[in-house]
Amino acid sequence: MRSFRWPAVFLAVLLPVLAQADVVRHQFTRNVVEREPVDRLNSATNINPLYYFTELEDMTGTTVVHRWRLNNRLMAEVRFDVQGPRWRVYSSKEMLPDWDGIWKLEVLDGDGNLLATDTISVLID
């Protein structure tokens, strides 16, 4: 059996292509101040509005979508154009009294591919 060795020049060209764009951080939070989340929420009682923060790396020139779902029902989509190698975005939802339940946030690329997801239990009195 013969082993194949990749030429060094080919690897030097291929490795940057293999370096993937990334969602570095993603989380629900009470607020975003100076482009940073103030906390990380696992559940939310009477928090209004509710924010979702995402930090992106090496995605310049792409589109990212925050898709908000309540009990698996689509409630909103917010699109962002990524304009730098490190890009921080956030969206928020004003919670109505009858919007208790499990909220799911999906981070998607412009082609609809899932990049990250989080869920949170919300209770509004």
PDB file of N, CA and C in Angstrom:
ATOM      1  N   MET A   1       0.848  -1.172   0.000  1.00  0.00           N
ATOM      2  CA  MET A   1       0.000   0.000   0.000  1.00  0.00           C
ATOM      3  C   MET A   1       0.889   1.229   0.000  1.00  0.00           C
ATOM      4  N   ARG A   2       0.574   2.156  -0.844  1.00  0.00           N
ATOM      5  CA  ARG A   2       1.332   3.383  -0.978  1.00  0.00           C
ATOM      6  C   ARG A   2       0.718   4.498  -0.150  1.00  0.00           C
ATOM      7  N   SER A   3       1.492   5.236   0.560  1.00  0.00           N
ATOM      8  CA  SER A   3       0.955   6.378   1.297  1.00  0.00           C
ATOM      9  C   SER A   3       1.122   7.634   0.453  1.00  0.00           C
ATOM     10  N   PHE A   4       0.174   8.515   0.589  1.00  0.00           N
ATOM     11  CA  PHE A   4       0.197   9.757  -0.172  1.00  0.00           C
ATOM     12  C   PHE A   4       0.566  10.892   0.761  1.00  0.00           C
ATOM     13  N   ARG A   5       1.465  11.730   0.323  1.00  0.00           N
ATOM     14  CA  ARG A   5       1.867  12.896   1.106  1.00  0.00           C
ATOM     15  C   ARG A   5       1.485  14.151   0.339  1.00  0.00           C
ATOM     16  N   TRP A   6       0.746  15.027   0.996  1.00  0.00           N
ATOM     17  CA  TRP A   6       0.343  16.274   0.363  1.00  0.00           C
ATOM     18  C   TRP A   6       1.556  17.183   0.190  1.00  0.00           C
ATOM     19  N   PRO A   7       1.709  17.780  -0.982  1.00  0.00           N
ATOM     20  CA  PRO A   7       2.809  18.744  -1.161  1.00  0.00           C
ATOM     21  C   PRO A   7       2.618  19.945  -0.228  1.00  0.00           C
ATOM     22  N   ALA A   8       3.715  20.455   0.300  1.00  0.00           N
ATOM     23  CA  ALA A   8       3.659  21.564   1.252  1.00  0.00           C
ATOM     24  C   ALA A   8       2.956  22.785   0.667  1.00  0.00           C
ATOM     25  N   VAL A   9       3.144  23.057  -0.610  1.00  0.00           N
ATOM     26  CA  VAL A   9       2.509  24.219  -1.236  1.00  0.00           C
ATOM     27  C   VAL A   9       0.992  24.044  -1.243  1.00  0.00           C
ATOM     28  N   PHE A  10       0.504  22.844  -1.524  1.00  0.00           N
ATOM     29  CA  PHE A  10      -0.924  22.580  -1.527  1.00  0.00           C
ATOM     30  C   PHE A  10      -1.504  22.791  -0.133  1.00  0.00           C
ATOM     31  N   LEU A  11      -0.823  22.300   0.894  1.00  0.00           N
ATOM     32  CA  LEU A  11      -1.302  22.477   2.262  1.00  0.00           C
ATOM     33  C   LEU A  11      -1.336  23.943   2.656  1.00  0.00           C
ATOM     34  N   ALA A  12      -0.355  24.716   2.235  1.00  0.00           N
ATOM     35  CA  ALA A  12      -0.311  26.136   2.570  1.00  0.00           C
ATOM     36  C   ALA A  12      -1.495  26.878   1.967  1.00  0.00           C
ATOM     37  N   VAL A  13      -1.960  26.437   0.813  1.00  0.00           N
ATOM     38  CA  VAL A  13      -3.118  27.055   0.172  1.00  0.00           C
ATOM     39  C   VAL A  13      -4.411  26.534   0.790  1.00  0.00           C
ATOM     40  N   LEU A  14      -4.462  25.264   1.135  1.00  0.00           N
ATOM     41  CA  LEU A  14      -5.674  24.631   1.631  1.00  0.00           C
ATOM     42  C   LEU A  14      -6.001  25.017   3.067  1.00  0.00           C
ATOM     43  N   LEU A  15      -5.035  25.156   3.935  1.00  0.00           N
ATOM     44  CA  LEU A  15      -5.301  25.401   5.351  1.00  0.00           C
ATOM     45  C   LEU A  15      -6.121  26.658   5.616  1.00  0.00           C
ATOM     46  N   PRO A  16      -5.846  27.809   4.962  1.00  0.00           N
ATOM     47  CA  PRO A  16      -6.712  28.960   5.216  1.00  0.00           C
ATOM     48  C   PRO A  16      -8.159  28.708   4.790  1.00  0.00           C
ATOM     49  N   VAL A  17      -8.382  27.913   3.766  1.00  0.00           N
ATOM     50  CA  VAL A  17      -9.731  27.590   3.325  1.00  0.00           C
ATOM     51  C   VAL A  17     -10.427  26.731   4.371  1.00  0.00           C
ATOM     52  N   LEU A  18      -9.675  25.837   5.017  1.00  0.00           N
ATOM     53  CA  LEU A  18     -10.250  24.958   6.024  1.00  0.00           C
ATOM     54  C   LEU A  18     -10.550  25.678   7.327  1.00  0.00           C
ATOM     55  N   ALA A  19      -9.884  26.807   7.570  1.00  0.00           N
ATOM     56  CA  ALA A  19     -10.165  27.581   8.785  1.00  0.00           C
ATOM     57  C   ALA A  19     -11.583  28.115   8.672  1.00  0.00           C
ATOM     58  N   GLN A  20     -12.447  27.675   9.544  1.00  0.00           N
ATOM     59  CA  GLN A  20     -13.862  28.009   9.422  1.00  0.00           C
ATOM     60  C   GLN A  20     -14.212  29.280  10.169  1.00  0.00           C
ATOM     61  N   ALA A  21     -15.189  29.958   9.588  1.00  0.00           N
ATOM     62  CA  ALA A  21     -15.794  31.079  10.291  1.00  0.00           C
ATOM     63  C   ALA A  21     -16.487  30.511  11.515  1.00  0.00           C
ATOM     64  N   ASP A  22     -16.693  31.358  12.513  1.00  0.00           N
ATOM     65  CA  ASP A  22     -17.173  30.802  13.767  1.00  0.00           C
ATOM     66  C   ASP A  22     -18.087  31.754  14.513  1.00  0.00           C
ATOM     67  N   VAL A  23     -19.022  31.161  15.227  1.00  0.00           N
ATOM     68  CA  VAL A  23     -19.807  31.879  16.221  1.00  0.00           C
ATOM     69  C   VAL A  23     -19.065  31.656  17.540  1.00  0.00           C
ATOM     70  N   VAL A  24     -18.393  32.694  18.005  1.00  0.00           N
ATOM     71  CA  VAL A  24     -17.517  32.580  19.178  1.00  0.00           C
ATOM     72  C   VAL A  24     -18.314  32.542  20.477  1.00  0.00           C
ATOM     73  N   ARG A  25     -19.315  33.429  20.588  1.00  0.00           N
ATOM     74  CA  ARG A  25     -20.173  33.465  21.777  1.00  0.00           C
ATOM     75  C   ARG A  25     -21.610  33.676  21.326  1.00  0.00           C
ATOM     76  N   HIS A  26     -22.532  33.109  22.104  1.00  0.00           N
ATOM     77  CA  HIS A  26     -23.960  33.315  21.843  1.00  0.00           C
ATOM     78  C   HIS A  26     -24.697  33.059  23.143  1.00  0.00           C
ATOM     79  N   GLN A  27     -25.587  34.016  23.506  1.00  0.00           N
ATOM     80  CA  GLN A  27     -26.261  33.878  24.795  1.00  0.00           C
ATOM     81  C   GLN A  27     -27.431  34.842  24.932  1.00  0.00           C
ATOM     82  N   PHE A  28     -28.408  34.414  25.745  1.00  0.00           N
ATOM     83  CA  PHE A  28     -29.480  35.305  26.163  1.00  0.00           C
ATOM     84  C   PHE A  28     -28.944  36.180  27.289  1.00  0.00           C
ATOM     85  N   THR A  29     -29.424  37.429  27.358  1.00  0.00           N
ATOM     86  CA  THR A  29     -28.952  38.367  28.364  1.00  0.00           C
ATOM     87  C   THR A  29     -30.041  39.410  28.661  1.00  0.00           C
ATOM     88  N   ARG A  30     -29.902  40.083  29.814  1.00  0.00           N
ATOM     89  CA  ARG A  30     -30.831  41.160  30.186  1.00  0.00           C
ATOM     90  C   ARG A  30     -30.624  42.410  29.354  1.00  0.00           C
ATOM     91  N   ASN A  31     -29.374  42.621  28.904  1.00  0.00           N
ATOM     92  CA  ASN A  31     -29.055  43.842  28.167  1.00  0.00           C
ATOM     93  C   ASN A  31     -27.686  43.684  27.509  1.00  0.00           C
ATOM     94  N   VAL A  32     -27.411  44.582  26.577  1.00  0.00           N
ATOM     95  CA  VAL A  32     -26.102  44.658  25.937  1.00  0.00           C
ATOM     96  C   VAL A  32     -25.628  46.091  26.112  1.00  0.00           C
ATOM     97  N   VAL A  33     -24.450  46.249  26.720  1.00  0.00           N
ATOM     98  CA  VAL A  33     -23.878  47.562  26.976  1.00  0.00           C
ATOM     99  C   VAL A  33     -22.493  47.607  26.345  1.00  0.00           C
ATOM    100  N   GLU A  34     -22.256  48.627  25.539  1.00  0.00           N
ATOM    101  CA  GLU A  34     -20.986  48.775  24.829  1.00  0.00           C
ATOM    102  C   GLU A  34     -20.627  47.493  24.076  1.00  0.00           C
ATOM    103  N   ARG A  35     -21.613  46.936  23.399  1.00  0.00           N
ATOM    104  CA  ARG A  35     -21.488  45.728  22.565  1.00  0.00           C
ATOM    105  C   ARG A  35     -21.110  44.469  23.331  1.00  0.00           C
ATOM    106  N   GLU A  36     -21.393  44.449  24.633  1.00  0.00           N
ATOM    107  CA  GLU A  36     -21.120  43.264  25.457  1.00  0.00           C
ATOM    108  C   GLU A  36     -22.352  42.900  26.273  1.00  0.00           C
ATOM    109  N   PRO A  37     -22.659  41.599  26.399  1.00  0.00           N
ATOM    110  CA  PRO A  37     -23.790  41.182  27.235  1.00  0.00           C
ATOM    111  C   PRO A  37     -23.478  41.449  28.699  1.00  0.00           C
ATOM    112  N   VAL A  38     -24.507  41.844  29.466  1.00  0.00           N
ATOM    113  CA  VAL A  38     -24.298  42.142  30.881  1.00  0.00           C
ATOM    114  C   VAL A  38     -24.337  40.880  31.748  1.00  0.00           C
ATOM    115  N   ASP A  39     -24.937  39.806  31.239  1.00  0.00           N
ATOM    116  CA  ASP A  39     -25.005  38.545  31.986  1.00  0.00           C
ATOM    117  C   ASP A  39     -25.381  37.429  31.019  1.00  0.00           C
ATOM    118  N   ARG A  40     -25.478  36.227  31.539  1.00  0.00           N
ATOM    119  CA  ARG A  40     -25.912  35.062  30.767  1.00  0.00           C
ATOM    120  C   ARG A  40     -27.129  34.486  31.470  1.00  0.00           C
ATOM    121  N   LEU A  41     -28.246  34.397  30.745  1.00  0.00           N
ATOM    122  CA  LEU A  41     -29.484  33.909  31.336  1.00  0.00           C
ATOM    123  C   LEU A  41     -29.769  32.470  30.901  1.00  0.00           C
ATOM    124  N   ASN A  42     -30.208  31.660  31.860  1.00  0.00           N
ATOM    125  CA  ASN A  42     -30.678  30.305  31.577  1.00  0.00           C
ATOM    126  C   ASN A  42     -32.194  30.225  31.655  1.00  0.00           C
ATOM    127  N   SER A  43     -32.794  31.186  32.377  1.00  0.00           N
ATOM    128  CA  SER A  43     -34.241  31.334  32.441  1.00  0.00           C
ATOM    129  C   SER A  43     -34.512  32.821  32.635  1.00  0.00           C
ATOM    130  N   ALA A  44     -35.763  33.215  32.341  1.00  0.00           N
ATOM    131  CA  ALA A  44     -36.079  34.639  32.420  1.00  0.00           C
ATOM    132  C   ALA A  44     -37.480  34.812  32.997  1.00  0.00           C
ATOM    133  N   THR A  45     -37.564  35.444  34.159  1.00  0.00           N
ATOM    134  CA  THR A  45     -38.849  35.771  34.773  1.00  0.00           C
ATOM    135  C   THR A  45     -38.972  37.288  34.816  1.00  0.00           C
ATOM    136  N   ASN A  46     -39.987  37.791  34.143  1.00  0.00           N
ATOM    137  CA  ASN A  46     -40.264  39.233  34.094  1.00  0.00           C
ATOM    138  C   ASN A  46     -39.081  40.055  33.595  1.00  0.00           C
ATOM    139  N   ILE A  47     -38.366  39.525  32.632  1.00  0.00           N
ATOM    140  CA  ILE A  47     -37.281  40.276  31.997  1.00  0.00           C
ATOM    141  C   ILE A  47     -37.821  40.772  30.661  1.00  0.00           C
ATOM    142  N   ASN A  48     -37.806  42.097  30.519  1.00  0.00           N
ATOM    143  CA  ASN A  48     -38.422  42.668  29.339  1.00  0.00           C
ATOM    144  C   ASN A  48     -37.731  43.969  28.968  1.00  0.00           C
ATOM    145  N   PRO A  49     -37.164  44.074  27.792  1.00  0.00           N
ATOM    146  CA  PRO A  49     -37.084  43.062  26.748  1.00  0.00           C
ATOM    147  C   PRO A  49     -36.016  42.018  27.060  1.00  0.00           C
ATOM    148  N   LEU A  50     -36.028  40.958  26.283  1.00  0.00           N
ATOM    149  CA  LEU A  50     -35.022  39.897  26.371  1.00  0.00           C
ATOM    150  C   LEU A  50     -34.087  40.055  25.173  1.00  0.00           C
ATOM    151  N   TYR A  51     -32.784  40.013  25.430  1.00  0.00           N
ATOM    152  CA  TYR A  51     -31.778  40.203  24.388  1.00  0.00           C
ATOM    153  C   TYR A  51     -31.088  38.881  24.071  1.00  0.00           C
ATOM    154  N   TYR A  52     -30.580  38.817  22.832  1.00  0.00           N
ATOM    155  CA  TYR A  52     -29.731  37.691  22.433  1.00  0.00           C
ATOM    156  C   TYR A  52     -28.496  38.273  21.756  1.00  0.00           C
ATOM    157  N   PHE A  53     -27.331  37.858  22.241  1.00  0.00           N
ATOM    158  CA  PHE A  53     -26.040  38.391  21.803  1.00  0.00           C
ATOM    159  C   PHE A  53     -25.270  37.314  21.041  1.00  0.00           C
ATOM    160  N   THR A  54     -24.589  37.720  19.974  1.00  0.00           N
ATOM    161  CA  THR A  54     -23.761  36.797  19.196  1.00  0.00           C
ATOM    162  C   THR A  54     -22.465  37.489  18.800  1.00  0.00           C
ATOM    163  N   GLU A  55     -21.350  36.807  19.019  1.00  0.00           N
ATOM    164  CA  GLU A  55     -20.054  37.291  18.540  1.00  0.00           C
ATOM    165  C   GLU A  55     -19.594  36.378  17.409  1.00  0.00           C
ATOM    166  N   LEU A  56     -19.219  36.990  16.295  1.00  0.00           N
ATOM    167  CA  LEU A  56     -18.844  36.259  15.084  1.00  0.00           C
ATOM    168  C   LEU A  56     -17.387  36.536  14.762  1.00  0.00           C
ATOM    169  N   GLU A  57     -16.727  35.543  14.209  1.00  0.00           N
ATOM    170  CA  GLU A  57     -15.318  35.684  13.852  1.00  0.00           C
ATOM    171  C   GLU A  57     -15.108  35.181  12.429  1.00  0.00           C
ATOM    172  N   ASP A  58     -14.366  35.959  11.646  1.00  0.00           N
ATOM    173  CA  ASP A  58     -13.995  35.577  10.276  1.00  0.00           C
ATOM    174  C   ASP A  58     -15.211  35.322   9.389  1.00  0.00           C
ATOM    175  N   MET A  59     -16.217  36.168   9.505  1.00  0.00           N
ATOM    176  CA  MET A  59     -17.433  36.028   8.684  1.00  0.00           C
ATOM    177  C   MET A  59     -17.726  37.302   7.893  1.00  0.00           C
ATOM    178  N   THR A  60     -16.719  38.141   7.690  1.00  0.00           N
ATOM    179  CA  THR A  60     -16.888  39.401   6.965  1.00  0.00           C
ATOM    180  C   THR A  60     -17.545  39.158   5.612  1.00  0.00           C
ATOM    181  N   GLY A  61     -18.536  40.003   5.293  1.00  0.00           N
ATOM    182  CA  GLY A  61     -19.198  39.915   3.999  1.00  0.00           C
ATOM    183  C   GLY A  61     -20.354  38.931   3.946  1.00  0.00           C
ATOM    184  N   THR A  62     -20.655  38.282   5.061  1.00  0.00           N
ATOM    185  CA  THR A  62     -21.764  37.328   5.085  1.00  0.00           C
ATOM    186  C   THR A  62     -22.970  37.942   5.789  1.00  0.00           C
ATOM    187  N   THR A  63     -24.065  37.229   5.731  1.00  0.00           N
ATOM    188  CA  THR A  63     -25.279  37.606   6.453  1.00  0.00           C
ATOM    189  C   THR A  63     -25.538  36.580   7.532  1.00  0.00           C
ATOM    190  N   VAL A  64     -25.953  37.053   8.699  1.00  0.00           N
ATOM    191  CA  VAL A  64     -26.315  36.173   9.805  1.00  0.00           C
ATOM    192  C   VAL A  64     -27.729  36.541  10.228  1.00  0.00           C
ATOM    193  N   VAL A  65     -28.497  35.529  10.629  1.00  0.00           N
ATOM    194  CA  VAL A  65     -29.890  35.728  11.004  1.00  0.00           C
ATOM    195  C   VAL A  65     -30.113  35.239  12.427  1.00  0.00           C
ATOM    196  N   HIS A  66     -30.811  36.037  13.229  1.00  0.00           N
ATOM    197  CA  HIS A  66     -31.346  35.585  14.517  1.00  0.00           C
ATOM    198  C   HIS A  66     -32.800  35.204  14.265  1.00  0.00           C
ATOM    199  N   ARG A  67     -33.127  33.945  14.469  1.00  0.00           N
ATOM    200  CA  ARG A  67     -34.504  33.469  14.303  1.00  0.00           C
ATOM    201  C   ARG A  67     -35.070  33.167  15.685  1.00  0.00           C
ATOM    202  N   TRP A  68     -36.074  33.945  16.094  1.00  0.00           N
ATOM    203  CA  TRP A  68     -36.718  33.798  17.391  1.00  0.00           C
ATOM    204  C   TRP A  68     -37.936  32.887  17.251  1.00  0.00           C
ATOM    205  N   ARG A  69     -38.026  31.841  18.090  1.00  0.00           N
ATOM    206  CA  ARG A  69     -39.167  30.922  18.098  1.00  0.00           C
ATOM    207  C   ARG A  69     -39.725  30.812  19.516  1.00  0.00           C
ATOM    208  N   LEU A  70     -41.033  30.787  19.619  1.00  0.00           N
ATOM    209  CA  LEU A  70     -41.723  30.542  20.888  1.00  0.00           C
ATOM    210  C   LEU A  70     -42.507  29.249  20.740  1.00  0.00           C
ATOM    211  N   ASN A  71     -42.184  28.273  21.590  1.00  0.00           N
ATOM    212  CA  ASN A  71     -42.843  26.963  21.531  1.00  0.00           C
ATOM    213  C   ASN A  71     -42.875  26.441  20.091  1.00  0.00           C
ATOM    214  N   ASN A  72     -41.748  26.623  19.407  1.00  0.00           N
ATOM    215  CA  ASN A  72     -41.496  26.182  18.035  1.00  0.00           C
ATOM    216  C   ASN A  72     -42.256  26.980  16.969  1.00  0.00           C
ATOM    217  N   ARG A  73     -42.884  28.087  17.340  1.00  0.00           N
ATOM    218  CA  ARG A  73     -43.573  28.955  16.375  1.00  0.00           C
ATOM    219  C   ARG A  73     -42.671  30.139  16.045  1.00  0.00           C
ATOM    220  N   LEU A  74     -42.446  30.375  14.767  1.00  0.00           N
ATOM    221  CA  LEU A  74     -41.601  31.485  14.345  1.00  0.00           C
ATOM    222  C   LEU A  74     -42.234  32.814  14.756  1.00  0.00           C
ATOM    223  N   MET A  75     -41.458  33.615  15.499  1.00  0.00           N
ATOM    224  CA  MET A  75     -41.953  34.905  15.983  1.00  0.00           C
ATOM    225  C   MET A  75     -41.249  36.083  15.288  1.00  0.00           C
ATOM    226  N   ALA A  76     -39.977  35.913  14.919  1.00  0.00           N
ATOM    227  CA  ALA A  76     -39.245  37.010  14.276  1.00  0.00           C
ATOM    228  C   ALA A  76     -37.943  36.499  13.683  1.00  0.00           C
ATOM    229  N   GLU A  77     -37.488  37.224  12.662  1.00  0.00           N
ATOM    230  CA  GLU A  77     -36.154  37.007  12.103  1.00  0.00           C
ATOM    231  C   GLU A  77     -35.484  38.368  11.964  1.00  0.00           C
ATOM    232  N   VAL A  78     -34.247  38.441  12.433  1.00  0.00           N
ATOM    233  CA  VAL A  78     -33.477  39.679  12.359  1.00  0.00           C
ATOM    234  C   VAL A  78     -32.196  39.372  11.604  1.00  0.00           C
ATOM    235  N   ARG A  79     -31.954  40.118  10.517  1.00  0.00           N
ATOM    236  CA  ARG A  79     -30.773  39.896   9.668  1.00  0.00           C
ATOM    237  C   ARG A  79     -29.679  40.922   9.980  1.00  0.00           C
ATOM    238  N   PHE A  80     -28.436  40.446   9.907  1.00  0.00           N
ATOM    239  CA  PHE A  80     -27.275  41.303  10.130  1.00  0.00           C
ATOM    240  C   PHE A  80     -26.287  41.095   8.992  1.00  0.00           C
ATOM    241  N   ASP A  81     -25.717  42.169   8.482  1.00  0.00           N
ATOM    242  CA  ASP A  81     -24.623  42.094   7.525  1.00  0.00           C
ATOM    243  C   ASP A  81     -23.325  42.220   8.306  1.00  0.00           C
ATOM    244  N   VAL A  82     -22.497  41.206   8.235  1.00  0.00           N
ATOM    245  CA  VAL A  82     -21.240  41.180   8.990  1.00  0.00           C
ATOM    246  C   VAL A  82     -20.208  42.000   8.224  1.00  0.00           C
ATOM    247  N   GLN A  83     -19.643  43.006   8.885  1.00  0.00           N
ATOM    248  CA  GLN A  83     -18.770  43.952   8.201  1.00  0.00           C
ATOM    249  C   GLN A  83     -17.351  44.001   8.751  1.00  0.00           C
ATOM    250  N   GLY A  84     -16.953  42.979   9.503  1.00  0.00           N
ATOM    251  CA  GLY A  84     -15.597  42.964  10.025  1.00  0.00           C
ATOM    252  C   GLY A  84     -15.202  41.578  10.485  1.00  0.00           C
ATOM    253  N   PRO A  85     -13.908  41.359  10.724  1.00  0.00           N
ATOM    254  CA  PRO A  85     -13.425  40.032  11.112  1.00  0.00           C
ATOM    255  C   PRO A  85     -13.901  39.586  12.500  1.00  0.00           C
ATOM    256  N   ARG A  86     -14.171  40.538  13.374  1.00  0.00           N
ATOM    257  CA  ARG A  86     -14.793  40.261  14.678  1.00  0.00           C
ATOM    258  C   ARG A  86     -16.021  41.147  14.757  1.00  0.00           C
ATOM    259  N   TRP A  87     -17.199  40.529  14.752  1.00  0.00           N
ATOM    260  CA  TRP A  87     -18.428  41.305  14.673  1.00  0.00           C
ATOM    261  C   TRP A  87     -19.374  40.852  15.772  1.00  0.00           C
ATOM    262  N   ARG A  88     -19.892  41.801  16.532  1.00  0.00           N
ATOM    263  CA  ARG A  88     -20.827  41.493  17.611  1.00  0.00           C
ATOM    264  C   ARG A  88     -22.185  42.082  17.264  1.00  0.00           C
ATOM    265  N   VAL A  89     -23.210  41.252  17.370  1.00  0.00           N
ATOM    266  CA  VAL A  89     -24.568  41.685  17.052  1.00  0.00           C
ATOM    267  C   VAL A  89     -25.503  41.226  18.162  1.00  0.00           C
ATOM    268  N   TYR A  90     -26.653  41.896  18.242  1.00  0.00           N
ATOM    269  CA  TYR A  90     -27.675  41.449  19.184  1.00  0.00           C
ATOM    270  C   TYR A  90     -29.041  41.852  18.657  1.00  0.00           C
ATOM    271  N   SER A  91     -30.020  41.101  19.085  1.00  0.00           N
ATOM    272  CA  SER A  91     -31.410  41.440  18.800  1.00  0.00           C
ATOM    273  C   SER A  91     -32.185  41.295  20.101  1.00  0.00           C
ATOM    274  N   SER A  92     -33.410  41.796  20.112  1.00  0.00           N
ATOM    275  CA  SER A  92     -34.208  41.721  21.336  1.00  0.00           C
ATOM    276  C   SER A  92     -35.670  41.506  20.986  1.00  0.00           C
ATOM    277  N   LYS A  93     -36.400  40.999  21.962  1.00  0.00           N
ATOM    278  CA  LYS A  93     -37.846  40.820  21.834  1.00  0.00           C
ATOM    279  C   LYS A  93     -38.503  41.424  23.057  1.00  0.00           C
ATOM    280  N   GLU A  94     -39.503  42.245  22.804  1.00  0.00           N
ATOM    281  CA  GLU A  94     -40.358  42.766  23.868  1.00  0.00           C
ATOM    282  C   GLU A  94     -41.363  41.660  24.183  1.00  0.00           C
ATOM    283  N   MET A  95     -41.354  41.176  25.412  1.00  0.00           N
ATOM    284  CA  MET A  95     -42.184  40.039  25.799  1.00  0.00           C
ATOM    285  C   MET A  95     -43.593  40.483  26.181  1.00  0.00           C
ATOM    286  N   LEU A  96     -44.579  39.905  25.539  1.00  0.00           N
ATOM    287  CA  LEU A  96     -45.975  40.172  25.869  1.00  0.00           C
ATOM    288  C   LEU A  96     -46.423  39.208  26.966  1.00  0.00           C
ATOM    289  N   PRO A  97     -47.454  39.567  27.739  1.00  0.00           N
ATOM    290  CA  PRO A  97     -47.866  38.731  28.873  1.00  0.00           C
ATOM    291  C   PRO A  97     -48.218  37.282  28.511  1.00  0.00           C
ATOM    292  N   ASP A  98     -48.700  37.043  27.304  1.00  0.00           N
ATOM    293  CA  ASP A  98     -49.061  35.667  26.940  1.00  0.00           C
ATOM    294  C   ASP A  98     -47.951  34.933  26.188  1.00  0.00           C
ATOM    295  N   TRP A  99     -46.727  35.455  26.246  1.00  0.00           N
ATOM    296  CA  TRP A  99     -45.608  34.826  25.552  1.00  0.00           C
ATOM    297  C   TRP A  99     -44.736  33.987  26.490  1.00  0.00           C
ATOM    298  N   ASP A 100     -45.336  33.417  27.524  1.00  0.00           N
ATOM    299  CA  ASP A 100     -44.615  32.465  28.380  1.00  0.00           C
ATOM    300  C   ASP A 100     -44.305  31.220  27.574  1.00  0.00           C
ATOM    301  N   GLY A 101     -43.221  30.576  27.943  1.00  0.00           N
ATOM    302  CA  GLY A 101     -42.911  29.305  27.295  1.00  0.00           C
ATOM    303  C   GLY A 101     -41.439  29.166  26.995  1.00  0.00           C
ATOM    304  N   ILE A 102     -41.143  28.250  26.120  1.00  0.00           N
ATOM    305  CA  ILE A 102     -39.762  27.973  25.724  1.00  0.00           C
ATOM    306  C   ILE A 102     -39.445  28.768  24.463  1.00  0.00           C
ATOM    307  N   TRP A 103     -38.509  29.684  24.615  1.00  0.00           N
ATOM    308  CA  TRP A 103     -38.009  30.464  23.490  1.00  0.00           C
ATOM    309  C   TRP A 103     -36.741  29.805  22.974  1.00  0.00           C
ATOM    310  N   LYS A 104     -36.638  29.723  21.680  1.00  0.00           N
ATOM    311  CA  LYS A 104     -35.447  29.167  21.029  1.00  0.00           C
ATOM    312  C   LYS A 104     -34.914  30.215  20.076  1.00  0.00           C
ATOM    313  N   LEU A 105     -33.613  30.438  20.134  1.00  0.00           N
ATOM    314  CA  LEU A 105     -32.973  31.354  19.214  1.00  0.00           C
ATOM    315  C   LEU A 105     -32.037  30.545  18.338  1.00  0.00           C
ATOM    316  N   GLU A 106     -32.212  30.652  17.044  1.00  0.00           N
ATOM    317  CA  GLU A 106     -31.334  29.982  16.081  1.00  0.00           C
ATOM    318  C   GLU A 106     -30.500  31.040  15.380  1.00  0.00           C
ATOM    319  N   VAL A 107     -29.201  30.816  15.323  1.00  0.00           N
ATOM    320  CA  VAL A 107     -28.301  31.673  14.564  1.00  0.00           C
ATOM    321  C   VAL A 107     -28.038  30.945  13.255  1.00  0.00           C
ATOM    322  N   LEU A 108     -28.390  31.595  12.147  1.00  0.00           N
ATOM    323  CA  LEU A 108     -28.268  30.986  10.825  1.00  0.00           C
ATOM    324  C   LEU A 108     -27.364  31.822   9.939  1.00  0.00           C
ATOM    325  N   ASP A 109     -26.716  31.171   8.973  1.00  0.00           N
ATOM    326  CA  ASP A 109     -25.996  31.943   7.967  1.00  0.00           C
ATOM    327  C   ASP A 109     -26.985  32.353   6.882  1.00  0.00           C
ATOM    328  N   GLY A 110     -26.528  33.107   5.898  1.00  0.00           N
ATOM    329  CA  GLY A 110     -27.397  33.613   4.853  1.00  0.00           C
ATOM    330  C   GLY A 110     -28.058  32.538   4.007  1.00  0.00           C
ATOM    331  N   ASP A 111     -27.487  31.328   4.014  1.00  0.00           N
ATOM    332  CA  ASP A 111     -28.059  30.198   3.266  1.00  0.00           C
ATOM    333  C   ASP A 111     -29.022  29.374   4.111  1.00  0.00           C
ATOM    334  N   GLY A 112     -29.214  29.776   5.378  1.00  0.00           N
ATOM    335  CA  GLY A 112     -30.135  29.055   6.245  1.00  0.00           C
ATOM    336  C   GLY A 112     -29.500  27.924   7.032  1.00  0.00           C
ATOM    337  N   ASN A 113     -28.177  27.807   6.988  1.00  0.00           N
ATOM    338  CA  ASN A 113     -27.485  26.773   7.762  1.00  0.00           C
ATOM    339  C   ASN A 113     -27.408  27.188   9.229  1.00  0.00           C
ATOM    340  N   LEU A 114     -27.712  26.252  10.118  1.00  0.00           N
ATOM    341  CA  LEU A 114     -27.688  26.515  11.555  1.00  0.00           C
ATOM    342  C   LEU A 114     -26.253  26.619  12.051  1.00  0.00           C
ATOM    343  N   LEU A 115     -25.930  27.746  12.699  1.00  0.00           N
ATOM    344  CA  LEU A 115     -24.594  27.977  13.247  1.00  0.00           C
ATOM    345  C   LEU A 115     -24.558  27.790  14.759  1.00  0.00           C
ATOM    346  N   ALA A 116     -25.653  28.141  15.434  1.00  0.00           N
ATOM    347  CA  ALA A 116     -25.733  28.017  16.892  1.00  0.00           C
ATOM    348  C   ALA A 116     -27.199  28.082  17.295  1.00  0.00           C
ATOM    349  N   THR A 117     -27.485  27.580  18.481  1.00  0.00           N
ATOM    350  CA  THR A 117     -28.856  27.645  18.993  1.00  0.00           C
ATOM    351  C   THR A 117     -28.830  27.646  20.516  1.00  0.00           C
ATOM    352  N   ASP A 118     -29.801  28.319  21.101  1.00  0.00           N
ATOM    353  CA  ASP A 118     -29.984  28.354  22.549  1.00  0.00           C
ATOM    354  C   ASP A 118     -31.475  28.361  22.848  1.00  0.00           C
ATOM    355  N   THR A 119     -31.830  27.846  24.009  1.00  0.00           N
ATOM    356  CA  THR A 119     -33.216  27.902  24.464  1.00  0.00           C
ATOM    357  C   THR A 119     -33.260  28.515  25.854  1.00  0.00           C
ATOM    358  N   ILE A 120     -34.413  29.110  26.175  1.00  0.00           N
ATOM    359  CA  ILE A 120     -34.610  29.719  27.474  1.00  0.00           C
ATOM    360  C   ILE A 120     -36.078  29.624  27.835  1.00  0.00           C
ATOM    361  N   SER A 121     -36.337  29.372  29.109  1.00  0.00           N
ATOM    362  CA  SER A 121     -37.702  29.351  29.619  1.00  0.00           C
ATOM    363  C   SER A 121     -38.059  30.758  30.079  1.00  0.00           C
ATOM    364  N   VAL A 122     -39.184  31.279  29.572  1.00  0.00           N
ATOM    365  CA  VAL A 122     -39.601  32.648  29.863  1.00  0.00           C
ATOM    366  C   VAL A 122     -40.938  32.625  30.589  1.00  0.00           C
ATOM    367  N   LEU A 123     -41.008  33.403  31.670  1.00  0.00           N
ATOM    368  CA  LEU A 123     -42.247  33.568  32.428  1.00  0.00           C
ATOM    369  C   LEU A 123     -42.480  35.064  32.596  1.00  0.00           C
ATOM    370  N   ILE A 124     -43.626  35.548  32.105  1.00  0.00           N
ATOM    371  CA  ILE A 124     -44.002  36.958  32.230  1.00  0.00           C
ATOM    372  C   ILE A 124     -45.263  37.020  33.079  1.00  0.00           C
ATOM    373  N   ASP A 125     -45.170  37.679  34.246  1.00  0.00           N
ATOM    374  CA  ASP A 125     -46.343  37.833  35.132  1.00  0.00           C
ATOM    375  C   ASP A 125     -47.212  38.974  34.692  1.00  0.00           C
TER     376      ASP A 125
END
